[in-house]
Amino acid sequence: MTQGTLAKMTNLSRSHIAAIEADAYNPSLLTLQSIAEVLRVPVSALIDETFLNLNENINMSSDLLEVIKGFNNLDFNSRQRLLGYLDGLLETSNAKK
């Protein structure tokens, strides 16, 4: 699949897709979910293994890994609700800074 095709199917720009591919941009959870749905893969398949605690500079707890696994077992609507809730929490947290 080309970047252009993926961009159209996810309502993102081709340059946005290219930046994510080049690790020049960290996508939001909603963006990852959208891409995963189009590619028909779990979100975890889009996350680099080094992000998932294989790099000694990252200390991700086993609890967080379980959350990621649980997320992948949710149906689409539940994932969307959870991602919306998380985005709201992040916005609230950033507004307090």
PDB file of N, CA and C in Angstrom:
ATOM      1  N   MET A   1       0.844  -1.169   0.000  1.00  0.00           N
ATOM      2  CA  MET A   1       0.000   0.000   0.000  1.00  0.00           C
ATOM      3  C   MET A   1       0.896   1.240   0.000  1.00  0.00           C
ATOM      4  N   THR A   2       0.523   2.218  -0.802  1.00  0.00           N
ATOM      5  CA  THR A   2       1.325   3.446  -0.871  1.00  0.00           C
ATOM      6  C   THR A   2       0.953   4.392   0.270  1.00  0.00           C
ATOM      7  N   GLN A   3       1.826   5.351   0.526  1.00  0.00           N
ATOM      8  CA  GLN A   3       1.539   6.367   1.530  1.00  0.00           C
ATOM      9  C   GLN A   3       0.284   7.146   1.152  1.00  0.00           C
ATOM     10  N   GLY A   4       0.139   7.429  -0.124  1.00  0.00           N
ATOM     11  CA  GLY A   4      -1.030   8.175  -0.591  1.00  0.00           C
ATOM     12  C   GLY A   4      -2.327   7.430  -0.345  1.00  0.00           C
ATOM     13  N   THR A   5      -2.329   6.139  -0.613  1.00  0.00           N
ATOM     14  CA  THR A   5      -3.521   5.323  -0.387  1.00  0.00           C
ATOM     15  C   THR A   5      -3.854   5.264   1.094  1.00  0.00           C
ATOM     16  N   LEU A   6      -2.834   5.023   1.921  1.00  0.00           N
ATOM     17  CA  LEU A   6      -3.052   4.985   3.366  1.00  0.00           C
ATOM     18  C   LEU A   6      -3.560   6.330   3.873  1.00  0.00           C
ATOM     19  N   ALA A   7      -3.003   7.396   3.346  1.00  0.00           N
ATOM     20  CA  ALA A   7      -3.423   8.741   3.750  1.00  0.00           C
ATOM     21  C   ALA A   7      -4.906   8.955   3.451  1.00  0.00           C
ATOM     22  N   LYS A   8      -5.339   8.577   2.262  1.00  0.00           N
ATOM     23  CA  LYS A   8      -6.751   8.738   1.886  1.00  0.00           C
ATOM     24  C   LYS A   8      -7.659   7.906   2.779  1.00  0.00           C
ATOM     25  N   MET A   9      -7.234   6.680   3.077  1.00  0.00           N
ATOM     26  CA  MET A   9      -8.071   5.774   3.859  1.00  0.00           C
ATOM     27  C   MET A   9      -8.146   6.165   5.341  1.00  0.00           C
ATOM     28  N   THR A  10      -7.177   6.946   5.810  1.00  0.00           N
ATOM     29  CA  THR A  10      -7.150   7.352   7.217  1.00  0.00           C
ATOM     30  C   THR A  10      -7.479   8.834   7.408  1.00  0.00           C
ATOM     31  N   ASN A  11      -7.735   9.525   6.314  1.00  0.00           N
ATOM     32  CA  ASN A  11      -7.996  10.971   6.360  1.00  0.00           C
ATOM     33  C   ASN A  11      -6.822  11.755   6.935  1.00  0.00           C
ATOM     34  N   LEU A  12      -5.619  11.288   6.648  1.00  0.00           N
ATOM     35  CA  LEU A  12      -4.392  11.995   7.025  1.00  0.00           C
ATOM     36  C   LEU A  12      -3.703  12.451   5.747  1.00  0.00           C
ATOM     37  N   SER A  13      -2.781  13.380   5.868  1.00  0.00           N
ATOM     38  CA  SER A  13      -2.038  13.790   4.673  1.00  0.00           C
ATOM     39  C   SER A  13      -0.922  12.780   4.388  1.00  0.00           C
ATOM     40  N   ARG A  14      -0.508  12.714   3.139  1.00  0.00           N
ATOM     41  CA  ARG A  14       0.586  11.824   2.770  1.00  0.00           C
ATOM     42  C   ARG A  14       1.852  12.217   3.503  1.00  0.00           C
ATOM     43  N   SER A  15       2.085  13.521   3.690  1.00  0.00           N
ATOM     44  CA  SER A  15       3.282  13.973   4.394  1.00  0.00           C
ATOM     45  C   SER A  15       3.240  13.565   5.865  1.00  0.00           C
ATOM     46  N   HIS A  16       2.053  13.536   6.438  1.00  0.00           N
ATOM     47  CA  HIS A  16       1.899  13.077   7.824  1.00  0.00           C
ATOM     48  C   HIS A  16       2.276  11.602   7.936  1.00  0.00           C
ATOM     49  N   ILE A  17       1.789  10.800   7.008  1.00  0.00           N
ATOM     50  CA  ILE A  17       2.133   9.364   6.971  1.00  0.00           C
ATOM     51  C   ILE A  17       3.639   9.206   6.796  1.00  0.00           C
ATOM     52  N   ALA A  18       4.232   9.982   5.900  1.00  0.00           N
ATOM     53  CA  ALA A  18       5.675   9.901   5.655  1.00  0.00           C
ATOM     54  C   ALA A  18       6.468  10.261   6.911  1.00  0.00           C
ATOM     55  N   ALA A  19       6.018  11.284   7.636  1.00  0.00           N
ATOM     56  CA  ALA A  19       6.710  11.697   8.862  1.00  0.00           C
ATOM     57  C   ALA A  19       6.632  10.609   9.931  1.00  0.00           C
ATOM     58  N   ILE A  20       5.497   9.941  10.034  1.00  0.00           N
ATOM     59  CA  ILE A  20       5.353   8.842  10.994  1.00  0.00           C
ATOM     60  C   ILE A  20       6.292   7.703  10.607  1.00  0.00           C
ATOM     61  N   GLU A  21       6.314   7.355   9.321  1.00  0.00           N
ATOM     62  CA  GLU A  21       7.191   6.288   8.833  1.00  0.00           C
ATOM     63  C   GLU A  21       8.663   6.577   9.102  1.00  0.00           C
ATOM     64  N   ALA A  22       9.037   7.836   8.984  1.00  0.00           N
ATOM     65  CA  ALA A  22      10.444   8.234   9.145  1.00  0.00           C
ATOM     66  C   ALA A  22      10.811   8.498  10.606  1.00  0.00           C
ATOM     67  N   ASP A  23       9.878   8.220  11.521  1.00  0.00           N
ATOM     68  CA  ASP A  23      10.090   8.483  12.951  1.00  0.00           C
ATOM     69  C   ASP A  23      10.371   9.955  13.232  1.00  0.00           C
ATOM     70  N   ALA A  24       9.848  10.827  12.389  1.00  0.00           N
ATOM     71  CA  ALA A  24      10.007  12.270  12.590  1.00  0.00           C
ATOM     72  C   ALA A  24       8.831  12.838  13.373  1.00  0.00           C
ATOM     73  N   TYR A  25       7.821  12.018  13.602  1.00  0.00           N
ATOM     74  CA  TYR A  25       6.608  12.466  14.282  1.00  0.00           C
ATOM     75  C   TYR A  25       6.048  11.292  15.078  1.00  0.00           C
ATOM     76  N   ASN A  26       5.614  11.554  16.288  1.00  0.00           N
ATOM     77  CA  ASN A  26       4.974  10.528  17.115  1.00  0.00           C
ATOM     78  C   ASN A  26       3.464  10.678  17.001  1.00  0.00           C
ATOM     79  N   PRO A  27       2.802   9.706  16.400  1.00  0.00           N
ATOM     80  CA  PRO A  27       1.362   9.820  16.195  1.00  0.00           C
ATOM     81  C   PRO A  27       0.583   9.684  17.501  1.00  0.00           C
ATOM     82  N   SER A  28      -0.613  10.260  17.523  1.00  0.00           N
ATOM     83  CA  SER A  28      -1.507  10.124  18.668  1.00  0.00           C
ATOM     84  C   SER A  28      -2.070   8.702  18.687  1.00  0.00           C
ATOM     85  N   LEU A  29      -2.694   8.359  19.796  1.00  0.00           N
ATOM     86  CA  LEU A  29      -3.336   7.046  19.888  1.00  0.00           C
ATOM     87  C   LEU A  29      -4.457   6.907  18.859  1.00  0.00           C
ATOM     88  N   LEU A  30      -5.192   7.996  18.636  1.00  0.00           N
ATOM     89  CA  LEU A  30      -6.269   7.940  17.630  1.00  0.00           C
ATOM     90  C   LEU A  30      -5.717   7.709  16.231  1.00  0.00           C
ATOM     91  N   THR A  31      -4.582   8.337  15.922  1.00  0.00           N
ATOM     92  CA  THR A  31      -3.957   8.136  14.616  1.00  0.00           C
ATOM     93  C   THR A  31      -3.489   6.702  14.469  1.00  0.00           C
ATOM     94  N   LEU A  32      -2.841   6.169  15.498  1.00  0.00           N
ATOM     95  CA  LEU A  32      -2.402   4.769  15.458  1.00  0.00           C
ATOM     96  C   LEU A  32      -3.590   3.829  15.269  1.00  0.00           C
ATOM     97  N   GLN A  33      -4.678   4.110  15.976  1.00  0.00           N
ATOM     98  CA  GLN A  33      -5.875   3.279  15.855  1.00  0.00           C
ATOM     99  C   GLN A  33      -6.419   3.322  14.433  1.00  0.00           C
ATOM    100  N   SER A  34      -6.455   4.497  13.852  1.00  0.00           N
ATOM    101  CA  SER A  34      -6.962   4.652  12.492  1.00  0.00           C
ATOM    102  C   SER A  34      -6.106   3.871  11.491  1.00  0.00           C
ATOM    103  N   ILE A  35      -4.802   3.994  11.626  1.00  0.00           N
ATOM    104  CA  ILE A  35      -3.892   3.275  10.727  1.00  0.00           C
ATOM    105  C   ILE A  35      -4.026   1.769  10.928  1.00  0.00           C
ATOM    106  N   ALA A  36      -4.091   1.340  12.186  1.00  0.00           N
ATOM    107  CA  ALA A  36      -4.221  -0.091  12.488  1.00  0.00           C
ATOM    108  C   ALA A  36      -5.505  -0.667  11.896  1.00  0.00           C
ATOM    109  N   GLU A  37      -6.594   0.078  11.994  1.00  0.00           N
ATOM    110  CA  GLU A  37      -7.869  -0.391  11.438  1.00  0.00           C
ATOM    111  C   GLU A  37      -7.767  -0.581   9.925  1.00  0.00           C
ATOM    112  N   VAL A  38      -7.154   0.387   9.237  1.00  0.00           N
ATOM    113  CA  VAL A  38      -7.022   0.290   7.782  1.00  0.00           C
ATOM    114  C   VAL A  38      -6.134  -0.892   7.398  1.00  0.00           C
ATOM    115  N   LEU A  39      -5.054  -1.077   8.143  1.00  0.00           N
ATOM    116  CA  LEU A  39      -4.110  -2.159   7.846  1.00  0.00           C
ATOM    117  C   LEU A  39      -4.565  -3.508   8.401  1.00  0.00           C
ATOM    118  N   ARG A  40      -5.632  -3.471   9.207  1.00  0.00           N
ATOM    119  CA  ARG A  40      -6.180  -4.682   9.832  1.00  0.00           C
ATOM    120  C   ARG A  40      -5.140  -5.409  10.685  1.00  0.00           C
ATOM    121  N   VAL A  41      -4.476  -4.627  11.523  1.00  0.00           N
ATOM    122  CA  VAL A  41      -3.499  -5.154  12.464  1.00  0.00           C
ATOM    123  C   VAL A  41      -3.776  -4.529  13.830  1.00  0.00           C
ATOM    124  N   PRO A  42      -3.317  -5.174  14.906  1.00  0.00           N
ATOM    125  CA  PRO A  42      -3.463  -4.531  16.217  1.00  0.00           C
ATOM    126  C   PRO A  42      -2.531  -3.328  16.326  1.00  0.00           C
ATOM    127  N   VAL A  43      -2.892  -2.380  17.157  1.00  0.00           N
ATOM    128  CA  VAL A  43      -2.060  -1.183  17.358  1.00  0.00           C
ATOM    129  C   VAL A  43      -0.643  -1.587  17.755  1.00  0.00           C
ATOM    130  N   SER A  44      -0.524  -2.623  18.559  1.00  0.00           N
ATOM    131  CA  SER A  44       0.800  -3.049  19.018  1.00  0.00           C
ATOM    132  C   SER A  44       1.722  -3.430  17.862  1.00  0.00           C
ATOM    133  N   ALA A  45       1.152  -3.842  16.733  1.00  0.00           N
ATOM    134  CA  ALA A  45       1.977  -4.190  15.571  1.00  0.00           C
ATOM    135  C   ALA A  45       2.633  -2.955  14.958  1.00  0.00           C
ATOM    136  N   LEU A  46       2.098  -1.776  15.267  1.00  0.00           N
ATOM    137  CA  LEU A  46       2.639  -0.536  14.722  1.00  0.00           C
ATOM    138  C   LEU A  46       3.700   0.089  15.621  1.00  0.00           C
ATOM    139  N   ILE A  47       3.829  -0.450  16.828  1.00  0.00           N
ATOM    140  CA  ILE A  47       4.756   0.124  17.790  1.00  0.00           C
ATOM    141  C   ILE A  47       6.067  -0.631  17.737  1.00  0.00           C
ATOM    142  N   ASP A  48       7.142   0.103  17.581  1.00  0.00           N
ATOM    143  CA  ASP A  48       8.474  -0.475  17.520  1.00  0.00           C
ATOM    144  C   ASP A  48       8.771  -1.239  18.796  1.00  0.00           C
ATOM    145  N   GLU A  49       9.380  -2.410  18.677  1.00  0.00           N
ATOM    146  CA  GLU A  49       9.700  -3.226  19.850  1.00  0.00           C
ATOM    147  C   GLU A  49      10.559  -2.477  20.856  1.00  0.00           C
ATOM    148  N   THR A  50      11.407  -1.586  20.406  1.00  0.00           N
ATOM    149  CA  THR A  50      12.236  -0.852  21.363  1.00  0.00           C
ATOM    150  C   THR A  50      11.376   0.011  22.258  1.00  0.00           C
ATOM    151  N   PHE A  51      10.203   0.426  21.751  1.00  0.00           N
ATOM    152  CA  PHE A  51       9.274   1.204  22.558  1.00  0.00           C
ATOM    153  C   PHE A  51       8.648   0.340  23.636  1.00  0.00           C
ATOM    154  N   LEU A  52       8.543  -0.930  23.371  1.00  0.00           N
ATOM    155  CA  LEU A  52       7.890  -1.846  24.299  1.00  0.00           C
ATOM    156  C   LEU A  52       8.870  -2.492  25.263  1.00  0.00           C
ATOM    157  N   ASN A  53       9.790  -1.728  25.784  1.00  0.00           N
ATOM    158  CA  ASN A  53      10.664  -2.133  26.886  1.00  0.00           C
ATOM    159  C   ASN A  53      11.835  -3.020  26.469  1.00  0.00           C
ATOM    160  N   LEU A  54      12.230  -3.064  25.226  1.00  0.00           N
ATOM    161  CA  LEU A  54      13.399  -3.831  24.843  1.00  0.00           C
ATOM    162  C   LEU A  54      14.645  -2.957  24.794  1.00  0.00           C
ATOM    163  N   ASN A  55      14.455  -1.671  24.901  1.00  0.00           N
ATOM    164  CA  ASN A  55      15.560  -0.725  24.939  1.00  0.00           C
ATOM    165  C   ASN A  55      15.838  -0.409  26.395  1.00  0.00           C
ATOM    166  N   GLU A  56      17.083  -0.482  26.825  1.00  0.00           N
ATOM    167  CA  GLU A  56      17.378  -0.270  28.247  1.00  0.00           C
ATOM    168  C   GLU A  56      17.111   1.157  28.701  1.00  0.00           C
ATOM    169  N   ASN A  57      16.926   2.088  27.777  1.00  0.00           N
ATOM    170  CA  ASN A  57      16.619   3.467  28.154  1.00  0.00           C
ATOM    171  C   ASN A  57      15.145   3.666  28.479  1.00  0.00           C
ATOM    172  N   ILE A  58      14.326   2.688  28.162  1.00  0.00           N
ATOM    173  CA  ILE A  58      12.893   2.782  28.416  1.00  0.00           C
ATOM    174  C   ILE A  58      12.530   1.757  29.473  1.00  0.00           C
ATOM    175  N   ASN A  59      11.846   2.198  30.496  1.00  0.00           N
ATOM    176  CA  ASN A  59      11.480   1.308  31.582  1.00  0.00           C
ATOM    177  C   ASN A  59       9.961   1.224  31.660  1.00  0.00           C
ATOM    178  N   MET A  60       9.372   0.472  30.754  1.00  0.00           N
ATOM    179  CA  MET A  60       7.924   0.335  30.720  1.00  0.00           C
ATOM    180  C   MET A  60       7.528  -0.810  31.640  1.00  0.00           C
ATOM    181  N   SER A  61       6.560  -0.579  32.488  1.00  0.00           N
ATOM    182  CA  SER A  61       6.143  -1.589  33.449  1.00  0.00           C
ATOM    183  C   SER A  61       5.361  -2.701  32.765  1.00  0.00           C
ATOM    184  N   SER A  62       5.339  -3.835  33.424  1.00  0.00           N
ATOM    185  CA  SER A  62       4.561  -4.959  32.896  1.00  0.00           C
ATOM    186  C   SER A  62       3.069  -4.609  32.910  1.00  0.00           C
ATOM    187  N   ASP A  63       2.647  -3.738  33.846  1.00  0.00           N
ATOM    188  CA  ASP A  63       1.248  -3.312  33.876  1.00  0.00           C
ATOM    189  C   ASP A  63       0.864  -2.595  32.592  1.00  0.00           C
ATOM    190  N   LEU A  64       1.744  -1.717  32.109  1.00  0.00           N
ATOM    191  CA  LEU A  64       1.457  -0.982  30.881  1.00  0.00           C
ATOM    192  C   LEU A  64       1.409  -1.932  29.680  1.00  0.00           C
ATOM    193  N   LEU A  65       2.282  -2.912  29.656  1.00  0.00           N
ATOM    194  CA  LEU A  65       2.248  -3.899  28.575  1.00  0.00           C
ATOM    195  C   LEU A  65       0.926  -4.669  28.594  1.00  0.00           C
ATOM    196  N   GLU A  66       0.415  -4.969  29.784  1.00  0.00           N
ATOM    197  CA  GLU A  66      -0.877  -5.658  29.892  1.00  0.00           C
ATOM    198  C   GLU A  66      -2.007  -4.772  29.395  1.00  0.00           C
ATOM    199  N   VAL A  67      -1.923  -3.465  29.662  1.00  0.00           N
ATOM    200  CA  VAL A  67      -2.930  -2.527  29.170  1.00  0.00           C
ATOM    201  C   VAL A  67      -2.939  -2.531  27.641  1.00  0.00           C
ATOM    202  N   ILE A  68      -1.751  -2.511  27.043  1.00  0.00           N
ATOM    203  CA  ILE A  68      -1.650  -2.526  25.578  1.00  0.00           C
ATOM    204  C   ILE A  68      -2.252  -3.813  25.023  1.00  0.00           C
ATOM    205  N   LYS A  69      -1.954  -4.933  25.644  1.00  0.00           N
ATOM    206  CA  LYS A  69      -2.519  -6.203  25.192  1.00  0.00           C
ATOM    207  C   LYS A  69      -4.043  -6.192  25.336  1.00  0.00           C
ATOM    208  N   GLY A  70      -4.534  -5.662  26.466  1.00  0.00           N
ATOM    209  CA  GLY A  70      -5.975  -5.585  26.680  1.00  0.00           C
ATOM    210  C   GLY A  70      -6.656  -4.694  25.655  1.00  0.00           C
ATOM    211  N   PHE A  71      -6.012  -3.589  25.321  1.00  0.00           N
ATOM    212  CA  PHE A  71      -6.536  -2.672  24.306  1.00  0.00           C
ATOM    213  C   PHE A  71      -6.747  -3.405  22.988  1.00  0.00           C
ATOM    214  N   ASN A  72      -5.791  -4.236  22.625  1.00  0.00           N
ATOM    215  CA  ASN A  72      -5.882  -4.961  21.360  1.00  0.00           C
ATOM    216  C   ASN A  72      -7.038  -5.959  21.335  1.00  0.00           C
ATOM    217  N   ASN A  73      -7.528  -6.349  22.512  1.00  0.00           N
ATOM    218  CA  ASN A  73      -8.641  -7.298  22.578  1.00  0.00           C
ATOM    219  C   ASN A  73     -10.009  -6.618  22.560  1.00  0.00           C
ATOM    220  N   LEU A  74     -10.037  -5.289  22.623  1.00  0.00           N
ATOM    221  CA  LEU A  74     -11.304  -4.557  22.607  1.00  0.00           C
ATOM    222  C   LEU A  74     -11.886  -4.489  21.201  1.00  0.00           C
ATOM    223  N   ASP A  75     -13.206  -4.385  21.112  1.00  0.00           N
ATOM    224  CA  ASP A  75     -13.827  -4.173  19.807  1.00  0.00           C
ATOM    225  C   ASP A  75     -13.608  -2.716  19.386  1.00  0.00           C
ATOM    226  N   PHE A  76     -13.873  -2.420  18.132  1.00  0.00           N
ATOM    227  CA  PHE A  76     -13.593  -1.105  17.559  1.00  0.00           C
ATOM    228  C   PHE A  76     -14.236   0.026  18.352  1.00  0.00           C
ATOM    229  N   ASN A  77     -15.535  -0.104  18.685  1.00  0.00           N
ATOM    230  CA  ASN A  77     -16.232   0.972  19.405  1.00  0.00           C
ATOM    231  C   ASN A  77     -15.644   1.202  20.786  1.00  0.00           C
ATOM    232  N   SER A  78     -15.287   0.139  21.476  1.00  0.00           N
ATOM    233  CA  SER A  78     -14.673   0.281  22.802  1.00  0.00           C
ATOM    234  C   SER A  78     -13.316   0.957  22.697  1.00  0.00           C
ATOM    235  N   ARG A  79     -12.564   0.611  21.663  1.00  0.00           N
ATOM    236  CA  ARG A  79     -11.262   1.255  21.449  1.00  0.00           C
ATOM    237  C   ARG A  79     -11.440   2.750  21.210  1.00  0.00           C
ATOM    238  N   GLN A  80     -12.410   3.113  20.388  1.00  0.00           N
ATOM    239  CA  GLN A  80     -12.653   4.517  20.076  1.00  0.00           C
ATOM    240  C   GLN A  80     -13.038   5.295  21.335  1.00  0.00           C
ATOM    241  N   ARG A  81     -13.906   4.708  22.163  1.00  0.00           N
ATOM    242  CA  ARG A  81     -14.301   5.373  23.407  1.00  0.00           C
ATOM    243  C   ARG A  81     -13.097   5.554  24.329  1.00  0.00           C
ATOM    244  N   LEU A  82     -12.292   4.510  24.467  1.00  0.00           N
ATOM    245  CA  LEU A  82     -11.122   4.588  25.333  1.00  0.00           C
ATOM    246  C   LEU A  82     -10.126   5.619  24.820  1.00  0.00           C
ATOM    247  N   LEU A  83      -9.876   5.630  23.520  1.00  0.00           N
ATOM    248  CA  LEU A  83      -8.937   6.599  22.945  1.00  0.00           C
ATOM    249  C   LEU A  83      -9.446   8.026  23.110  1.00  0.00           C
ATOM    250  N   GLY A  84     -10.731   8.229  22.955  1.00  0.00           N
ATOM    251  CA  GLY A  84     -11.309   9.556  23.171  1.00  0.00           C
ATOM    252  C   GLY A  84     -11.139  10.000  24.616  1.00  0.00           C
ATOM    253  N   TYR A  85     -11.366   9.075  25.531  1.00  0.00           N
ATOM    254  CA  TYR A  85     -11.187   9.377  26.953  1.00  0.00           C
ATOM    255  C   TYR A  85      -9.733   9.729  27.250  1.00  0.00           C
ATOM    256  N   LEU A  86      -8.791   8.952  26.716  1.00  0.00           N
ATOM    257  CA  LEU A  86      -7.371   9.219  26.946  1.00  0.00           C
ATOM    258  C   LEU A  86      -6.953  10.561  26.357  1.00  0.00           C
ATOM    259  N   ASP A  87      -7.434  10.879  25.171  1.00  0.00           N
ATOM    260  CA  ASP A  87      -7.123  12.181  24.575  1.00  0.00           C
ATOM    261  C   ASP A  87      -7.648  13.312  25.453  1.00  0.00           C
ATOM    262  N   GLY A  88      -8.846  13.137  26.020  1.00  0.00           N
ATOM    263  CA  GLY A  88      -9.394  14.141  26.921  1.00  0.00           C
ATOM    264  C   GLY A  88      -8.544  14.314  28.173  1.00  0.00           C
ATOM    265  N   LEU A  89      -8.072  13.208  28.719  1.00  0.00           N
ATOM    266  CA  LEU A  89      -7.187  13.270  29.886  1.00  0.00           C
ATOM    267  C   LEU A  89      -5.890  14.016  29.562  1.00  0.00           C
ATOM    268  N   LEU A  90      -5.339  13.726  28.390  1.00  0.00           N
ATOM    269  CA  LEU A  90      -4.090  14.390  27.990  1.00  0.00           C
ATOM    270  C   LEU A  90      -4.307  15.890  27.802  1.00  0.00           C
ATOM    271  N   GLU A  91      -5.422  16.265  27.185  1.00  0.00           N
ATOM    272  CA  GLU A  91      -5.717  17.676  26.994  1.00  0.00           C
ATOM    273  C   GLU A  91      -5.866  18.383  28.334  1.00  0.00           C
ATOM    274  N   THR A  92      -6.552  17.754  29.277  1.00  0.00           N
ATOM    275  CA  THR A  92      -6.742  18.315  30.611  1.00  0.00           C
ATOM    276  C   THR A  92      -5.397  18.463  31.313  1.00  0.00           C
ATOM    277  N   SER A  93      -4.566  17.440  31.207  1.00  0.00           N
ATOM    278  CA  SER A  93      -3.250  17.462  31.839  1.00  0.00           C
ATOM    279  C   SER A  93      -2.375  18.545  31.239  1.00  0.00           C
ATOM    280  N   ASN A  94      -2.401  18.678  29.922  1.00  0.00           N
ATOM    281  CA  ASN A  94      -1.582  19.708  29.249  1.00  0.00           C
ATOM    282  C   ASN A  94      -2.082  21.106  29.566  1.00  0.00           C
ATOM    283  N   ALA A  95      -3.389  21.272  29.761  1.00  0.00           N
ATOM    284  CA  ALA A  95      -3.944  22.591  30.066  1.00  0.00           C
ATOM    285  C   ALA A  95      -3.522  23.060  31.454  1.00  0.00           C
ATOM    286  N   LYS A  96      -3.267  22.119  32.350  1.00  0.00           N
ATOM    287  CA  LYS A  96      -2.861  22.470  33.718  1.00  0.00           C
ATOM    288  C   LYS A  96      -1.406  22.862  33.813  1.00  0.00           C
ATOM    289  N   LYS A  97      -0.630  22.545  32.782  1.00  0.00           N
ATOM    290  CA  LYS A  97       0.815  22.858  32.822  1.00  0.00           C
ATOM    291  C   LYS A  97       1.094  24.298  32.542  1.00  0.00           C
TER     292      LYS A  97
END
